Amino acid sequence: MYQILSYPIKEAQPTWPGNPTFRLEPCKSIAKGDKANTCTIHLFNHYGTHLDGPMHFYGDGISLDQVPFDRFFFQKPLVLDIPKGPGEKLMPQDLLPFKEDVETADLLLIRTGFWKYRTEQPDVYESNGPAVSSELARYLQEQMGHLKAVALDFVSLASYSDTADGDLAHQTMLGMYHNRFICIIEDVNMRGIPSGFLKRAAAIPLIIEGIDSSPVTMWAEY
């Protein structure tokens, strides 16, 4: 079975506080007498389900269009259920019960259950989400060098309630302090997919030259 893990891009969805969002501007309309329907998409590149590339928090990192295309496809995606509430951080010890599986995975999908806040309390989803701690980011870089990406069911790797540690976590994951990078996929809809290993997954960004990050169409098969 295939399942789309990207949220539909539409107006008025939760996002990092203060960020631009999305607007669809009609250009031509059959209903108004034109021969075709066309539109202009005004879309912030960190809105909705999106992938952070190396250049996002690391000035010397490569742009997303330079990331090898096979980095967006995953043959050993692993779903981990690690419940977290508002403002709580994911720490290295949270992965210890799953260590043997994590050591063979190429994508970690960390499901905290916080996705429920996206519709029930969007203000909390935006302003006080869970976070990947800088300690966990460093652990993944130093101990799990096979990982291509980490996907999260909350708005950002960082929490708006602790941006200093969130900045460091981003920098660490995206390669500022190591000779490799782990991509970050944020605001992922993991509702309904099983825990454990999935058959495969992919997160395909828009290929825009010179961009740091991009919305993705993400899917999984299980």
Protein backbone atom coordinates (compact mmCIF):
# COMPACT_ATOMS: atom_id res chain seq x y z
CA MET A 1 0.00 0.00 0.00
CA TYR A 2 1.16 3.51 -0.86
CA GLN A 3 0.45 6.54 1.32
CA ILE A 4 1.16 10.22 0.76
CA LEU A 5 2.97 11.70 3.76
CA SER A 6 2.92 15.32 2.58
CA TYR A 7 0.20 17.63 3.79
CA PRO A 8 -1.72 19.33 0.93
CA ILE A 9 -0.40 22.82 0.29
CA LYS A 10 -3.16 25.32 0.96
CA GLU A 11 -3.72 28.61 2.73
CA ALA A 12 -3.86 29.05 6.50
CA GLN A 13 -1.82 26.01 7.51
CA PRO A 14 0.40 26.04 10.63
CA THR A 15 4.01 27.05 10.06
CA TRP A 16 7.02 28.46 11.93
CA PRO A 17 5.84 31.73 13.56
CA GLY A 18 6.41 34.77 11.38
CA ASN A 19 7.27 32.88 8.19
CA PRO A 20 5.58 33.69 4.88
CA THR A 21 3.04 31.13 3.75
CA PHE A 22 1.19 30.41 0.50
CA ARG A 23 -1.10 32.15 -1.95
CA LEU A 24 -2.51 30.96 -5.28
CA GLU A 25 -2.98 33.78 -7.79
CA PRO A 26 -5.18 32.99 -10.84
CA CYS A 27 -3.72 34.24 -14.12
CA LYS A 28 -6.06 32.93 -16.82
CA SER A 29 -9.50 31.44 -16.32
CA ILE A 30 -11.74 29.47 -18.66
CA ALA A 31 -14.72 30.67 -16.62
CA LYS A 32 -13.74 34.25 -17.50
CA GLY A 33 -13.37 33.55 -21.21
CA ASP A 34 -9.74 32.46 -21.47
CA LYS A 35 -8.77 29.31 -23.35
CA ALA A 36 -6.95 27.74 -20.39
CA ASN A 37 -6.61 27.88 -16.64
CA THR A 38 -3.25 29.05 -15.28
CA CYS A 39 -2.02 30.51 -12.00
CA THR A 40 1.00 31.87 -10.18
CA ILE A 41 2.10 30.05 -7.02
CA HIS A 42 3.42 32.23 -4.19
CA LEU A 43 5.02 29.63 -1.93
CA PHE A 44 7.55 30.02 0.86
CA ASN A 45 10.10 27.22 0.62
CA HIS A 46 9.65 26.17 4.27
CA TYR A 47 5.86 25.94 4.19
CA GLY A 48 4.09 22.63 4.61
CA THR A 49 5.94 19.34 4.33
CA HIS A 50 9.44 20.31 3.23
CA LEU A 51 13.04 19.13 3.16
CA ASP A 52 15.92 21.15 4.62
CA GLY A 53 19.11 20.84 2.58
CA PRO A 54 22.70 21.54 3.70
CA MET A 55 22.72 25.21 2.68
CA HIS A 56 19.76 26.06 4.95
CA PHE A 57 21.89 26.50 8.11
CA TYR A 58 25.40 26.15 6.71
CA GLY A 59 26.74 28.85 4.40
CA ASP A 60 29.26 26.50 2.78
CA GLY A 61 26.72 23.71 2.33
CA ILE A 62 25.56 22.67 -1.11
CA SER A 63 22.24 23.88 -2.49
CA LEU A 64 19.38 21.44 -2.75
CA ASP A 65 19.70 21.03 -6.51
CA GLN A 66 23.28 19.79 -5.95
CA VAL A 67 22.26 17.06 -3.50
CA PRO A 68 22.64 13.65 -5.24
CA PHE A 69 19.17 12.62 -6.39
CA ASP A 70 19.39 9.20 -4.76
CA ARG A 71 19.44 10.94 -1.36
CA PHE A 72 15.69 11.51 -1.76
CA PHE A 73 14.86 7.77 -2.04
CA PHE A 74 14.90 5.40 0.90
CA GLN A 75 15.08 1.60 0.87
CA LYS A 76 15.08 1.08 4.67
CA PRO A 77 12.67 3.64 6.13
CA LEU A 78 11.98 3.10 9.84
CA VAL A 79 9.00 4.52 11.76
CA LEU A 80 9.70 5.06 15.47
CA ASP A 81 6.94 5.94 17.94
CA ILE A 82 8.48 8.22 20.57
CA PRO A 83 5.72 10.26 22.26
CA LYS A 84 6.58 13.88 23.04
CA GLY A 85 4.52 16.83 24.18
CA PRO A 86 4.83 20.60 23.75
CA GLY A 87 8.40 21.83 24.08
CA GLU A 88 9.85 18.40 24.87
CA LYS A 89 13.12 17.36 23.25
CA LEU A 90 14.17 14.14 21.58
CA MET A 91 17.39 12.93 23.19
CA PRO A 92 19.90 10.20 22.31
CA GLN A 93 18.48 7.91 24.99
CA ASP A 94 15.10 7.97 23.22
CA LEU A 95 16.66 5.90 20.43
CA LEU A 96 18.33 3.31 22.63
CA PRO A 97 15.35 0.85 22.60
CA PHE A 98 15.52 0.90 18.78
CA LYS A 99 19.31 1.00 18.36
CA GLU A 100 19.72 -2.21 16.31
CA ASP A 101 17.03 -1.16 13.84
CA VAL A 102 18.29 2.43 13.61
CA GLU A 103 21.74 1.13 12.69
CA THR A 104 20.33 -0.33 9.45
CA ALA A 105 17.81 2.37 8.52
CA ASP A 106 18.46 5.03 5.88
CA LEU A 107 15.48 7.18 6.92
CA LEU A 108 14.11 7.71 10.41
CA LEU A 109 10.47 8.78 10.62
CA ILE A 110 10.03 9.90 14.23
CA ARG A 111 6.37 9.95 15.21
CA THR A 112 5.79 11.80 18.46
CA GLY A 113 2.01 12.05 18.13
CA PHE A 114 2.30 15.84 18.01
CA TRP A 115 0.66 15.85 14.56
CA LYS A 116 -2.70 15.94 16.40
CA TYR A 117 -1.99 19.51 17.45
CA ARG A 118 -1.84 20.58 13.82
CA THR A 119 -5.63 20.73 13.58
CA GLU A 120 -6.66 20.68 17.24
CA GLN A 121 -4.33 23.42 18.55
CA PRO A 122 -2.46 24.97 15.60
CA ASP A 123 -1.10 27.80 17.73
CA VAL A 124 0.67 25.26 19.98
CA TYR A 125 1.81 23.31 16.91
CA GLU A 126 3.51 26.46 15.63
CA SER A 127 4.94 27.97 18.79
CA ASN A 128 5.75 25.12 21.19
CA GLY A 129 6.43 21.94 19.28
CA PRO A 130 8.85 19.18 20.23
CA ALA A 131 12.42 19.39 18.98
CA VAL A 132 15.41 17.28 18.05
CA SER A 133 18.01 18.30 20.62
CA SER A 134 21.49 19.29 19.56
CA GLU A 135 22.70 16.26 21.55
CA LEU A 136 20.62 13.92 19.41
CA ALA A 137 21.72 15.68 16.23
CA ARG A 138 25.36 15.14 17.20
CA TYR A 139 24.67 11.49 18.13
CA LEU A 140 23.08 10.83 14.73
CA GLN A 141 26.01 12.42 12.93
CA GLU A 142 28.66 10.57 14.90
CA GLN A 143 26.97 7.19 15.42
CA MET A 144 24.50 6.80 12.54
CA GLY A 145 26.52 7.94 9.54
CA HIS A 146 24.47 5.81 7.15
CA LEU A 147 21.34 7.93 7.58
CA LYS A 148 20.16 9.96 4.59
CA ALA A 149 17.39 11.85 6.38
CA VAL A 150 15.22 12.25 9.47
CA ALA A 151 11.49 12.99 9.11
CA LEU A 152 9.39 14.56 11.87
CA ASP A 153 5.67 14.89 12.62
CA PHE A 154 6.03 18.45 13.94
CA VAL A 155 6.66 21.81 12.35
CA SER A 156 10.47 22.01 12.64
CA LEU A 157 13.55 20.22 13.92
CA ALA A 158 13.71 23.15 16.34
CA SER A 159 11.09 24.35 18.78
CA TYR A 160 10.18 28.03 18.77
CA SER A 161 10.49 27.79 22.57
CA ASP A 162 14.27 27.14 22.31
CA THR A 163 15.66 28.53 19.09
CA ALA A 164 19.31 28.60 20.27
CA ASP A 165 19.50 24.82 20.68
CA GLY A 166 17.39 24.43 17.55
CA ASP A 167 19.88 26.44 15.51
CA LEU A 168 22.72 24.25 16.75
CA ALA A 169 20.76 21.09 15.98
CA HIS A 170 20.12 22.30 12.42
CA GLN A 171 23.77 23.25 11.93
CA THR A 172 24.91 19.86 13.20
CA MET A 173 22.50 17.82 11.09
CA LEU A 174 23.23 19.80 7.94
CA GLY A 175 27.00 19.39 8.07
CA MET A 176 28.56 22.48 9.62
CA TYR A 177 30.65 20.41 12.05
CA HIS A 178 30.99 17.16 10.11
CA ASN A 179 32.04 16.02 6.64
CA ARG A 180 28.54 14.79 5.81
CA PHE A 181 24.94 15.94 6.15
CA ILE A 182 21.62 14.41 7.14
CA CYS A 183 18.61 15.99 5.44
CA ILE A 184 15.67 17.08 7.59
CA ILE A 185 12.06 16.55 6.52
CA GLU A 186 9.66 18.62 8.62
CA ASP A 187 5.88 18.75 9.09
CA VAL A 188 5.31 15.18 7.86
CA ASN A 189 1.89 13.50 8.04
CA MET A 190 2.58 10.08 9.60
CA ARG A 191 -0.99 9.38 10.62
CA GLY A 192 -1.97 5.79 9.89
CA ILE A 193 1.33 4.33 8.76
CA PRO A 194 2.58 1.30 10.72
CA SER A 195 5.54 1.44 13.07
CA GLY A 196 8.73 -0.42 12.22
CA PHE A 197 10.32 -0.82 8.81
CA LEU A 198 8.38 0.20 5.70
CA LYS A 199 9.07 -1.19 2.22
CA ARG A 200 10.39 2.08 0.82
CA ALA A 201 9.80 5.83 0.80
CA ALA A 202 10.73 8.98 -1.10
CA ALA A 203 10.67 12.74 -0.56
CA ILE A 204 11.02 14.60 -3.87
CA PRO A 205 11.75 18.35 -3.74
CA LEU A 206 11.26 20.97 -6.37
CA ILE A 207 14.54 21.16 -8.30
CA ILE A 208 15.25 24.88 -8.14
CA GLU A 209 18.79 26.06 -8.75
CA GLY A 210 20.49 27.63 -5.74
CA ILE A 211 17.72 26.94 -3.22
CA ASP A 212 18.42 25.85 0.39
CA SER A 213 15.26 23.79 0.97
CA SER A 214 11.99 22.92 -0.73
CA PRO A 215 8.49 21.56 -0.24
CA VAL A 216 8.40 17.86 -1.06
CA THR A 217 5.97 15.26 -2.26
CA MET A 218 6.65 12.50 0.22
CA TRP A 219 5.26 8.97 0.04
CA ALA A 220 5.82 5.59 1.61
CA GLU A 221 4.98 2.00 0.70
CA TYR A 222 4.21 -0.58 3.35
